[in-house]
Amino acid sequence: MSEVANIAAPLRGMDGADQGTLELPVIFAERPREHLLFEVVQMQQASRRAGTHSTKTRGEVSGGGIKPWRQKGTGRARAGSIRSPIWEGGGTTFGPRPRDYSYRLPAKARRVALCAALSDRQRLGTLTVIEEIKLPEAKTKRVAAMLSALGLEGTVLIVESGVNGDLERAARNLPRVKVLRTEGVNVYDVLRHQHLLITRNAVAALAERLAK
């Protein structure tokens, strides 16, 4: 990980008011690692594949329990079953079968990639640090008003340090907004959202998680 530090980000309130600056931990100072980000996103997408596609072999297709005609004397090619793969309605040769596509990259590679993704948001200026998120009620309009006050348009990933039931319920009806706790933050979700909104406590929790 890069040794660059002393990176500060503006600290905002839910009403969009400026509340000073917050010095970011070193996890937001990782250098760009495009290929590593690609590898981790590919790993995550592979792990999310259902892998339930399936075809039937000739032994699984119903019927075909009798030889369609005798072996010799008919002038036709030899055939042992009407469920041969070369027959219409027959089985499939080397077709897809249920399988698990998931695999794991080394833990260090995954950790560095997440730091690189977070640092990318900081460099692009799409990282917003907020003091805290406390909704007066679990209403979608409250979350929409907060994002509007912060000037966040498009897709937004909100990161909280712990359980915030009101926020999670209120954001469910916003199709372009996703709420994650710090333990669930991952490279794919960070990169696929245009903005990263993270609370002050979540910054510290992420730093602790990625320092292990």
Protein backbone atom coordinates (compact mmCIF):
# COMPACT_ATOMS: atom_id res chain seq x y z
CA MET A 1 0.00 0.00 0.00
CA SER A 2 1.20 3.51 -0.72
CA GLU A 3 2.72 5.45 2.17
CA VAL A 4 1.01 8.72 1.15
CA ALA A 5 -1.08 10.17 3.96
CA ASN A 6 -2.48 13.55 5.09
CA ILE A 7 -5.41 13.38 2.70
CA ALA A 8 -8.36 15.42 3.87
CA ALA A 9 -11.97 15.43 2.74
CA PRO A 10 -14.74 17.95 3.42
CA LEU A 11 -17.05 16.92 6.24
CA ARG A 12 -20.71 17.60 5.57
CA GLY A 13 -23.96 17.50 7.50
CA MET A 14 -27.25 15.96 6.41
CA ASP A 15 -28.43 19.41 5.35
CA GLY A 16 -25.36 19.84 3.15
CA ALA A 17 -23.69 22.30 5.53
CA ASP A 18 -19.90 22.34 5.69
CA GLN A 19 -18.61 21.03 9.02
CA GLY A 20 -14.89 21.34 8.40
CA THR A 21 -12.55 18.68 7.08
CA LEU A 22 -11.68 15.14 8.06
CA GLU A 23 -8.23 13.64 7.63
CA LEU A 24 -8.63 10.37 5.77
CA PRO A 25 -6.69 7.23 6.70
CA VAL A 26 -4.05 5.75 4.43
CA ILE A 27 -6.56 3.34 2.87
CA PHE A 28 -7.73 6.27 0.74
CA ALA A 29 -4.21 6.88 -0.61
CA GLU A 30 -3.67 3.68 -2.60
CA ARG A 31 -2.25 4.17 -6.10
CA PRO A 32 -4.37 3.19 -9.15
CA ARG A 33 -4.45 -0.55 -9.79
CA GLU A 34 -6.70 -1.05 -12.80
CA HIS A 35 -5.76 -4.66 -13.51
CA LEU A 36 -6.20 -5.72 -9.88
CA LEU A 37 -9.62 -4.05 -9.79
CA PHE A 38 -10.56 -5.96 -12.93
CA GLU A 39 -9.47 -9.25 -11.39
CA VAL A 40 -11.45 -8.69 -8.19
CA VAL A 41 -14.62 -7.59 -10.04
CA GLN A 42 -14.32 -10.67 -12.26
CA MET A 43 -14.00 -12.84 -9.14
CA GLN A 44 -17.09 -11.26 -7.56
CA GLN A 45 -19.17 -11.66 -10.70
CA ALA A 46 -18.09 -15.29 -11.03
CA SER A 47 -19.08 -15.94 -7.43
CA ARG A 48 -22.55 -14.51 -8.09
CA ARG A 49 -23.25 -16.83 -11.02
CA ALA A 50 -26.01 -19.31 -10.25
CA GLY A 51 -24.37 -22.12 -12.20
CA THR A 52 -27.67 -24.01 -12.40
CA HIS A 53 -27.72 -24.44 -16.19
CA SER A 54 -28.13 -28.07 -17.15
CA THR A 55 -28.68 -30.32 -20.18
CA LYS A 56 -29.59 -33.98 -20.41
CA THR A 57 -27.23 -36.62 -21.72
CA ARG A 58 -28.49 -39.58 -23.76
CA GLY A 59 -28.77 -41.53 -20.54
CA GLU A 60 -31.16 -39.01 -19.03
CA VAL A 61 -33.52 -38.42 -21.96
CA SER A 62 -36.71 -40.46 -21.68
CA GLY A 63 -37.38 -43.19 -24.24
CA GLY A 64 -35.00 -45.01 -26.51
CA GLY A 65 -34.96 -48.24 -24.57
CA ILE A 66 -35.13 -50.41 -27.68
CA LYS A 67 -32.99 -50.66 -30.78
CA PRO A 68 -34.97 -48.86 -33.55
CA TRP A 69 -34.15 -51.49 -36.20
CA ARG A 70 -32.01 -54.56 -36.59
CA GLN A 71 -28.29 -54.18 -37.02
CA LYS A 72 -27.92 -55.56 -40.58
CA GLY A 73 -29.88 -55.92 -43.74
CA THR A 74 -31.91 -52.72 -43.74
CA GLY A 75 -29.54 -50.56 -45.78
CA ARG A 76 -29.62 -47.92 -43.13
CA ALA A 77 -26.91 -46.84 -40.75
CA ARG A 78 -26.54 -48.74 -37.50
CA ALA A 79 -28.55 -47.25 -34.64
CA GLY A 80 -28.84 -48.37 -31.05
CA SER A 81 -31.20 -45.75 -29.64
CA ILE A 82 -33.47 -42.98 -30.85
CA ARG A 83 -32.04 -40.84 -28.04
CA SER A 84 -28.57 -40.69 -29.59
CA PRO A 85 -27.17 -37.15 -29.68
CA ILE A 86 -27.25 -37.18 -33.48
CA TRP A 87 -31.02 -37.76 -33.47
CA GLU A 88 -33.65 -35.08 -33.08
CA GLY A 89 -34.87 -35.17 -29.49
CA GLY A 90 -31.76 -37.00 -28.39
CA GLY A 91 -29.38 -36.15 -25.59
CA THR A 92 -26.74 -33.42 -25.61
CA THR A 93 -23.05 -34.12 -25.93
CA PHE A 94 -20.77 -32.14 -23.62
CA GLY A 95 -23.57 -29.73 -22.69
CA PRO A 96 -23.45 -27.42 -19.66
CA ARG A 97 -23.88 -29.03 -16.27
CA PRO A 98 -24.49 -27.50 -12.81
CA ARG A 99 -21.21 -26.16 -11.46
CA ASP A 100 -19.74 -23.66 -9.03
CA TYR A 101 -17.93 -20.80 -10.79
CA SER A 102 -16.65 -19.13 -7.62
CA TYR A 103 -12.97 -18.77 -6.80
CA ARG A 104 -10.96 -16.67 -4.36
CA LEU A 105 -8.07 -14.32 -4.91
CA PRO A 106 -5.53 -13.95 -2.10
CA ALA A 107 -6.76 -11.91 0.86
CA LYS A 108 -4.00 -9.34 0.40
CA ALA A 109 -4.99 -8.78 -3.22
CA ARG A 110 -8.64 -8.28 -2.26
CA ARG A 111 -7.68 -5.85 0.50
CA VAL A 112 -5.41 -3.77 -1.76
CA ALA A 113 -8.07 -3.72 -4.48
CA LEU A 114 -10.68 -2.35 -2.08
CA CYS A 115 -8.27 0.35 -0.95
CA ALA A 116 -7.61 1.20 -4.59
CA ALA A 117 -11.35 1.46 -5.29
CA LEU A 118 -11.89 3.76 -2.29
CA SER A 119 -8.89 5.87 -3.30
CA ASP A 120 -10.26 6.13 -6.82
CA ARG A 121 -13.44 7.72 -5.49
CA GLN A 122 -11.37 10.15 -3.45
CA ARG A 123 -9.24 11.16 -6.46
CA LEU A 124 -12.30 11.66 -8.67
CA GLY A 125 -13.97 13.86 -6.08
CA THR A 126 -16.99 11.57 -5.79
CA LEU A 127 -16.33 10.72 -2.13
CA THR A 128 -18.55 12.51 0.37
CA VAL A 129 -17.99 12.16 4.11
CA ILE A 130 -20.97 12.95 6.34
CA GLU A 131 -20.92 13.41 10.10
CA GLU A 132 -23.81 11.01 10.73
CA ILE A 133 -27.11 9.90 9.26
CA LYS A 134 -30.05 10.10 11.65
CA LEU A 135 -33.45 10.19 10.00
CA PRO A 136 -36.41 11.63 11.93
CA GLU A 137 -38.51 8.88 10.35
CA ALA A 138 -37.92 5.94 8.02
CA LYS A 139 -39.29 7.71 4.96
CA THR A 140 -37.86 7.56 1.45
CA LYS A 141 -38.38 11.29 1.02
CA ARG A 142 -36.00 11.94 3.93
CA VAL A 143 -33.16 10.10 2.16
CA ALA A 144 -33.98 11.79 -1.14
CA ALA A 145 -33.90 15.21 0.57
CA MET A 146 -30.53 14.43 2.16
CA LEU A 147 -28.99 13.39 -1.18
CA SER A 148 -30.41 16.48 -2.83
CA ALA A 149 -28.94 18.74 -0.11
CA LEU A 150 -25.55 17.07 -0.61
CA GLY A 151 -25.80 17.52 -4.38
CA LEU A 152 -25.50 13.81 -5.12
CA GLU A 153 -27.15 12.83 -8.39
CA GLY A 154 -27.05 9.47 -10.11
CA THR A 155 -26.15 6.24 -8.37
CA VAL A 156 -25.07 6.50 -4.72
CA LEU A 157 -23.53 3.93 -2.38
CA ILE A 158 -24.14 4.81 1.27
CA VAL A 159 -21.83 3.21 3.83
CA GLU A 160 -22.73 3.05 7.52
CA SER A 161 -20.59 1.77 10.38
CA GLY A 162 -23.35 -0.37 11.90
CA VAL A 163 -27.04 -1.16 11.81
CA ASN A 164 -29.18 1.78 10.74
CA GLY A 165 -32.60 0.25 10.22
CA ASP A 166 -34.35 3.53 9.40
CA LEU A 167 -31.84 4.35 6.67
CA GLU A 168 -31.90 0.85 5.19
CA ARG A 169 -35.71 0.80 5.06
CA ALA A 170 -36.01 4.33 3.73
CA ALA A 171 -33.49 3.80 0.92
CA ARG A 172 -35.02 0.56 -0.39
CA ASN A 173 -37.42 2.39 -2.70
CA LEU A 174 -34.67 4.44 -4.35
CA PRO A 175 -33.50 2.35 -7.32
CA ARG A 176 -30.18 4.14 -7.67
CA VAL A 177 -29.24 4.07 -3.99
CA LYS A 178 -27.72 1.16 -2.07
CA VAL A 179 -26.89 1.00 1.64
CA LEU A 180 -24.07 -1.19 2.95
CA ARG A 181 -22.46 -1.68 6.33
CA THR A 182 -18.69 -1.43 6.52
CA GLU A 183 -18.27 -5.20 6.73
CA GLY A 184 -20.09 -5.57 3.40
CA VAL A 185 -18.22 -2.91 1.41
CA ASN A 186 -16.71 -4.46 -1.71
CA VAL A 187 -14.92 -3.43 -4.90
CA TYR A 188 -17.80 -4.19 -7.26
CA ASP A 189 -20.35 -2.01 -5.45
CA VAL A 190 -17.90 0.85 -4.94
CA LEU A 191 -17.05 0.98 -8.64
CA ARG A 192 -20.57 0.53 -10.00
CA HIS A 193 -21.93 3.56 -8.11
CA GLN A 194 -21.05 7.07 -9.21
CA HIS A 195 -20.92 8.50 -5.69
CA LEU A 196 -19.71 7.12 -2.36
CA LEU A 197 -21.39 8.61 0.71
CA ILE A 198 -19.77 7.44 3.92
CA THR A 199 -20.27 8.43 7.54
CA ARG A 200 -17.43 9.56 9.77
CA ASN A 201 -17.67 6.45 11.94
CA ALA A 202 -17.70 4.25 8.83
CA VAL A 203 -14.38 5.76 7.70
CA ALA A 204 -12.79 4.70 10.99
CA ALA A 205 -14.44 1.26 10.84
CA LEU A 206 -13.20 0.68 7.29
CA ALA A 207 -9.68 1.71 8.27
CA GLU A 208 -9.77 -0.77 11.15
CA ARG A 209 -11.13 -3.54 8.92
CA LEU A 210 -8.55 -3.05 6.16
CA ALA A 211 -5.66 -2.66 8.58
CA LYS A 212 -6.03 -6.26 9.76
